[in-house]
Amino acid sequence: MLIKAILLFLAVALPALVIIKSSGFSTKRLQLFLVFAGAYLFAMTIIHLIPDLFYSKEDPFSLGLYILLGFFLQKIIENFTSGVEHGHVHQHANFSVTYLLIALSLHSFLEGSILTDSLHSHHVTDAEHAQSSSPKILLGIIMHKIPAAIALMALLLYKMSSKTKAYMLILVFALASPLGLFTGEFLSNGHVLPEKYMIIFFAVVAGSFLQISTTIFIETDPNHKLNWQRFGVSVFGAMSAVLAQVLI
């Protein structure tokens, strides 16, 4: 668990540090990486997270409702984040740094909270599958966090004159997912909440992943015309998730 927490922290802290030290970054490369990460996250949600949920004893209709709830909850969070979690940099947008950090940290906390292996093992019948589920999801979250960290750092540097203060705020965001991981582990292993509520929580987060990944697809092709380069990258991202599911 400690290794996961460190990786989650570094996935934000290191890219933000690179932005501070560099004179700029390639928007095109960032967009392509974002498409890859979005495709991986989307595929992993479809082929792993959602099927994993339906291994539980909960009513499938209720689980579907909670997934929808997570989808629209993430849409509300997005209203305060200016799309930063999608890797978008809107430097001319009027935003509050406080609300932005709170919303992004909440989103990041929810991501980290579903990485506990004990949560997966509660409702997956195959023990080997349960133990290997978290690393696959961890990889998707890390890839999703890197462009988000770059976008947030660029926004903070635009908004604030002090690079040190901007980076300190980034570190607050970086700690949110590890905190979510530790909280999820405590709630799950400590039996603080009944198993039913942990599964509901898991479904809500799965819905938020669907919203994030599908929004990435929509916004990278705003004219609804197929960009073969981005399409190829998205297929590669989805196939990477399939390979991870089969091999890891």
Protein backbone atom coordinates (compact mmCIF):
# COMPACT_ATOMS: atom_id res chain seq x y z
CA MET A 1 0.00 0.00 0.00
CA LEU A 2 2.86 2.37 0.80
CA ILE A 3 4.36 1.87 -2.65
CA LYS A 4 1.01 2.72 -4.26
CA ALA A 5 0.76 5.88 -2.17
CA ILE A 6 4.27 6.97 -3.18
CA LEU A 7 3.56 6.35 -6.87
CA LEU A 8 0.33 8.33 -6.67
CA PHE A 9 2.17 11.22 -5.02
CA LEU A 10 5.03 11.21 -7.53
CA ALA A 11 2.60 11.06 -10.48
CA VAL A 12 1.62 14.62 -9.56
CA ALA A 13 4.75 16.01 -7.87
CA LEU A 14 7.27 15.10 -10.59
CA PRO A 15 5.38 16.38 -13.69
CA ALA A 16 4.64 19.63 -11.86
CA LEU A 17 8.33 20.02 -11.02
CA VAL A 18 9.24 19.46 -14.67
CA ILE A 19 6.89 22.27 -15.70
CA ILE A 20 8.56 24.64 -13.21
CA LYS A 21 12.04 23.79 -14.48
CA SER A 22 11.18 23.83 -18.19
CA SER A 23 10.31 26.79 -20.39
CA GLY A 24 7.16 25.13 -21.68
CA PHE A 25 5.62 21.88 -22.87
CA SER A 26 4.33 20.43 -26.11
CA THR A 27 0.56 20.79 -26.21
CA LYS A 28 0.29 18.25 -29.02
CA ARG A 29 2.24 15.59 -27.10
CA LEU A 30 0.21 16.29 -23.99
CA GLN A 31 -3.02 15.84 -25.95
CA LEU A 32 -1.86 12.54 -27.44
CA PHE A 33 -0.82 11.23 -24.03
CA LEU A 34 -4.16 12.40 -22.67
CA VAL A 35 -6.00 10.43 -25.39
CA PHE A 36 -3.96 7.33 -24.55
CA ALA A 37 -4.62 7.69 -20.82
CA GLY A 38 -8.32 8.36 -21.40
CA ALA A 39 -8.66 5.30 -23.62
CA TYR A 40 -6.88 3.12 -21.08
CA LEU A 41 -9.07 4.41 -18.24
CA PHE A 42 -12.24 3.97 -20.30
CA ALA A 43 -11.34 0.42 -21.33
CA MET A 44 -10.30 -0.57 -17.81
CA THR A 45 -13.60 0.77 -16.46
CA ILE A 46 -15.60 -1.20 -19.05
CA ILE A 47 -13.74 -4.51 -18.95
CA HIS A 48 -12.66 -4.57 -15.31
CA LEU A 49 -14.22 -2.11 -12.87
CA ILE A 50 -17.86 -2.50 -13.90
CA PRO A 51 -17.74 -6.32 -14.29
CA ASP A 52 -15.96 -6.41 -10.93
CA LEU A 53 -18.88 -4.54 -9.39
CA PHE A 54 -21.44 -6.99 -10.70
CA TYR A 55 -19.71 -9.87 -8.97
CA SER A 56 -21.18 -8.50 -5.76
CA LYS A 57 -24.52 -9.51 -4.29
CA GLU A 58 -25.95 -6.04 -4.76
CA ASP A 59 -28.93 -5.44 -7.04
CA PRO A 60 -27.62 -4.80 -10.61
CA PHE A 61 -30.20 -2.06 -11.19
CA SER A 62 -29.09 -0.23 -8.04
CA LEU A 63 -25.45 -0.55 -9.04
CA GLY A 64 -26.29 0.96 -12.42
CA LEU A 65 -27.96 3.90 -10.69
CA TYR A 66 -24.89 4.51 -8.52
CA ILE A 67 -22.66 4.42 -11.60
CA LEU A 68 -24.92 7.07 -13.16
CA LEU A 69 -24.73 9.08 -9.94
CA GLY A 70 -20.94 9.02 -10.11
CA PHE A 71 -21.04 10.11 -13.74
CA PHE A 72 -23.12 13.21 -13.00
CA LEU A 73 -21.33 13.95 -9.72
CA GLN A 74 -18.08 14.19 -11.66
CA LYS A 75 -19.81 16.56 -14.07
CA ILE A 76 -20.60 18.85 -11.12
CA ILE A 77 -17.01 18.64 -9.86
CA GLU A 78 -15.83 19.56 -13.35
CA ASN A 79 -17.73 22.83 -13.04
CA PHE A 80 -15.20 23.92 -10.40
CA THR A 81 -12.05 22.42 -11.96
CA SER A 82 -12.16 24.07 -15.41
CA GLY A 83 -11.43 20.66 -16.95
CA VAL A 84 -8.00 20.36 -15.34
CA GLU A 85 -8.59 16.67 -14.56
CA HIS A 86 -8.92 16.21 -18.33
CA GLY A 87 -5.52 17.81 -18.85
CA HIS A 88 -6.94 21.06 -20.21
CA VAL A 89 -5.32 24.43 -19.65
CA HIS A 90 -7.70 27.38 -19.88
CA GLN A 91 -5.43 30.20 -18.75
CA HIS A 92 -7.93 32.92 -19.55
CA ALA A 93 -10.73 31.30 -17.58
CA ASN A 94 -11.87 33.02 -14.42
CA PHE A 95 -11.43 30.55 -11.58
CA SER A 96 -10.88 30.40 -7.84
CA VAL A 97 -7.69 28.63 -6.79
CA THR A 98 -9.38 27.50 -3.56
CA TYR A 99 -12.42 25.96 -5.26
CA LEU A 100 -10.18 24.46 -7.95
CA LEU A 101 -7.98 22.71 -5.39
CA ILE A 102 -10.90 21.51 -3.29
CA ALA A 103 -12.70 20.04 -6.31
CA LEU A 104 -9.56 18.42 -7.75
CA SER A 105 -8.53 17.05 -4.36
CA LEU A 106 -12.00 15.54 -3.88
CA HIS A 107 -11.76 13.93 -7.30
CA SER A 108 -8.25 12.68 -6.51
CA PHE A 109 -9.31 11.39 -3.08
CA LEU A 110 -12.08 9.32 -4.68
CA GLU A 111 -9.62 7.87 -7.18
CA GLY A 112 -7.21 6.76 -4.49
CA SER A 113 -9.94 5.29 -2.31
CA ILE A 114 -10.77 2.43 -4.68
CA LEU A 115 -7.19 1.15 -4.91
CA THR A 116 -7.32 -0.97 -1.78
CA ASP A 117 -7.10 -4.67 -2.69
CA SER A 118 -9.41 -5.59 0.17
CA LEU A 119 -12.20 -3.61 -1.47
CA HIS A 120 -11.88 -5.64 -4.67
CA SER A 121 -11.60 -8.95 -2.82
CA HIS A 122 -14.93 -8.31 -1.09
CA HIS A 123 -16.85 -8.86 -4.28
CA VAL A 124 -14.63 -10.75 -6.71
CA THR A 125 -14.93 -14.51 -6.63
CA ASP A 126 -11.47 -15.21 -8.06
CA ALA A 127 -8.89 -14.48 -5.37
CA GLU A 128 -6.05 -14.15 -7.87
CA HIS A 129 -8.09 -11.63 -9.86
CA ALA A 130 -8.75 -9.64 -6.69
CA GLN A 131 -5.08 -9.35 -5.84
CA SER A 132 -4.13 -8.22 -9.35
CA SER A 133 -6.97 -5.77 -9.88
CA SER A 134 -5.52 -2.81 -8.05
CA PRO A 135 -2.22 -2.50 -10.03
CA LYS A 136 -4.16 -2.30 -13.31
CA ILE A 137 -6.32 0.50 -11.98
CA LEU A 138 -3.30 2.18 -10.38
CA LEU A 139 -1.59 2.37 -13.77
CA GLY A 140 -4.65 4.01 -15.32
CA ILE A 141 -4.93 6.57 -12.51
CA ILE A 142 -1.23 7.44 -12.72
CA MET A 143 -1.46 8.02 -16.49
CA HIS A 144 -4.56 10.14 -15.92
CA LYS A 145 -2.84 12.17 -13.18
CA ILE A 146 0.22 13.19 -15.21
CA PRO A 147 -1.57 15.49 -17.71
CA ALA A 148 -3.82 16.75 -14.90
CA ALA A 149 -0.75 17.73 -12.86
CA ILE A 150 0.79 19.50 -15.87
CA ALA A 151 -2.42 21.42 -16.57
CA LEU A 152 -2.86 22.41 -12.92
CA MET A 153 0.76 23.55 -12.58
CA ALA A 154 0.44 25.68 -15.73
CA LEU A 155 -2.73 27.28 -14.37
CA LEU A 156 -1.21 27.99 -10.96
CA LEU A 157 1.90 29.53 -12.50
CA TYR A 158 -0.35 31.74 -14.63
CA LYS A 159 -2.43 32.77 -11.62
CA MET A 160 0.33 33.17 -9.01
CA SER A 161 3.62 35.05 -9.03
CA SER A 162 5.43 32.67 -6.67
CA LYS A 163 6.57 29.34 -8.12
CA THR A 164 7.24 28.04 -4.62
CA LYS A 165 3.71 28.76 -3.44
CA ALA A 166 2.27 27.26 -6.62
CA TYR A 167 4.26 24.07 -6.09
CA MET A 168 3.21 23.85 -2.44
CA LEU A 169 -0.42 23.91 -3.59
CA ILE A 170 0.37 21.17 -6.10
CA LEU A 171 1.71 19.05 -3.24
CA VAL A 172 -1.66 19.40 -1.48
CA PHE A 173 -3.29 17.96 -4.60
CA ALA A 174 -0.60 15.24 -4.77
CA LEU A 175 -1.44 14.08 -1.23
CA ALA A 176 -5.17 13.68 -1.91
CA SER A 177 -4.99 10.28 -3.65
CA PRO A 178 -2.66 8.70 -1.06
CA LEU A 179 -5.00 9.98 1.64
CA GLY A 180 -7.94 8.41 -0.23
CA LEU A 181 -6.02 5.14 -0.46
CA PHE A 182 -5.30 5.04 3.28
CA THR A 183 -8.90 6.02 4.08
CA GLY A 184 -10.31 3.32 1.81
CA GLU A 185 -8.01 0.74 3.37
CA PHE A 186 -9.04 1.80 6.87
CA LEU A 187 -12.77 1.77 6.10
CA SER A 188 -12.55 -1.56 4.30
CA ASN A 189 -10.24 -3.51 6.61
CA GLY A 190 -11.52 -1.89 9.79
CA HIS A 191 -15.15 -2.73 8.91
CA VAL A 192 -16.08 0.85 9.77
CA LEU A 193 -18.67 0.83 6.99
CA PRO A 194 -20.75 -2.20 5.94
CA GLU A 195 -19.57 -3.91 2.76
CA LYS A 196 -22.68 -2.68 0.93
CA TYR A 197 -21.66 0.96 1.32
CA MET A 198 -18.10 0.26 0.14
CA ILE A 199 -19.50 -1.32 -3.03
CA ILE A 200 -21.78 1.67 -3.59
CA PHE A 201 -18.79 3.96 -3.17
CA PHE A 202 -16.87 1.87 -5.70
CA ALA A 203 -19.75 2.18 -8.19
CA VAL A 204 -19.83 5.98 -7.82
CA VAL A 205 -16.10 6.21 -8.58
CA ALA A 206 -16.51 3.91 -11.60
CA GLY A 207 -19.14 6.33 -12.90
CA SER A 208 -16.77 9.27 -12.47
CA PHE A 209 -14.12 7.40 -14.49
CA LEU A 210 -16.64 6.96 -17.30
CA GLN A 211 -17.38 10.67 -17.32
CA ILE A 212 -13.71 11.67 -17.38
CA SER A 213 -12.67 9.25 -20.10
CA THR A 214 -15.63 9.91 -22.40
CA THR A 215 -15.19 13.68 -22.03
CA ILE A 216 -11.56 13.30 -23.12
CA PHE A 217 -12.73 11.54 -26.28
CA ILE A 218 -15.33 14.20 -27.05
CA GLU A 219 -13.11 17.21 -26.44
CA THR A 220 -10.15 15.87 -28.42
CA ASP A 221 -12.39 15.60 -31.52
CA PRO A 222 -14.55 18.75 -31.22
CA ASN A 223 -15.53 18.76 -34.90
CA HIS A 224 -16.69 15.14 -34.79
CA LYS A 225 -14.24 14.22 -37.53
CA LEU A 226 -11.98 11.24 -37.14
CA ASN A 227 -8.37 12.18 -36.50
CA TRP A 228 -6.51 9.03 -37.48
CA GLN A 229 -3.52 9.78 -35.28
CA ARG A 230 -5.63 10.27 -32.18
CA PHE A 231 -7.81 7.33 -33.12
CA GLY A 232 -4.74 5.12 -33.38
CA VAL A 233 -3.48 6.33 -30.01
CA SER A 234 -6.88 5.67 -28.41
CA VAL A 235 -7.02 2.14 -29.83
CA PHE A 236 -3.50 1.56 -28.52
CA GLY A 237 -4.57 2.80 -25.08
CA ALA A 238 -7.61 0.55 -25.02
CA MET A 239 -5.60 -2.47 -26.19
CA SER A 240 -3.04 -1.75 -23.46
CA ALA A 241 -5.84 -2.02 -20.90
CA VAL A 242 -6.94 -5.33 -22.44
CA LEU A 243 -3.38 -6.66 -22.30
CA ALA A 244 -3.04 -5.52 -18.70
CA GLN A 245 -6.26 -7.34 -17.86
CA VAL A 246 -4.99 -10.54 -19.48
CA LEU A 247 -1.33 -10.48 -18.46
CA ILE A 248 -1.08 -8.74 -15.07
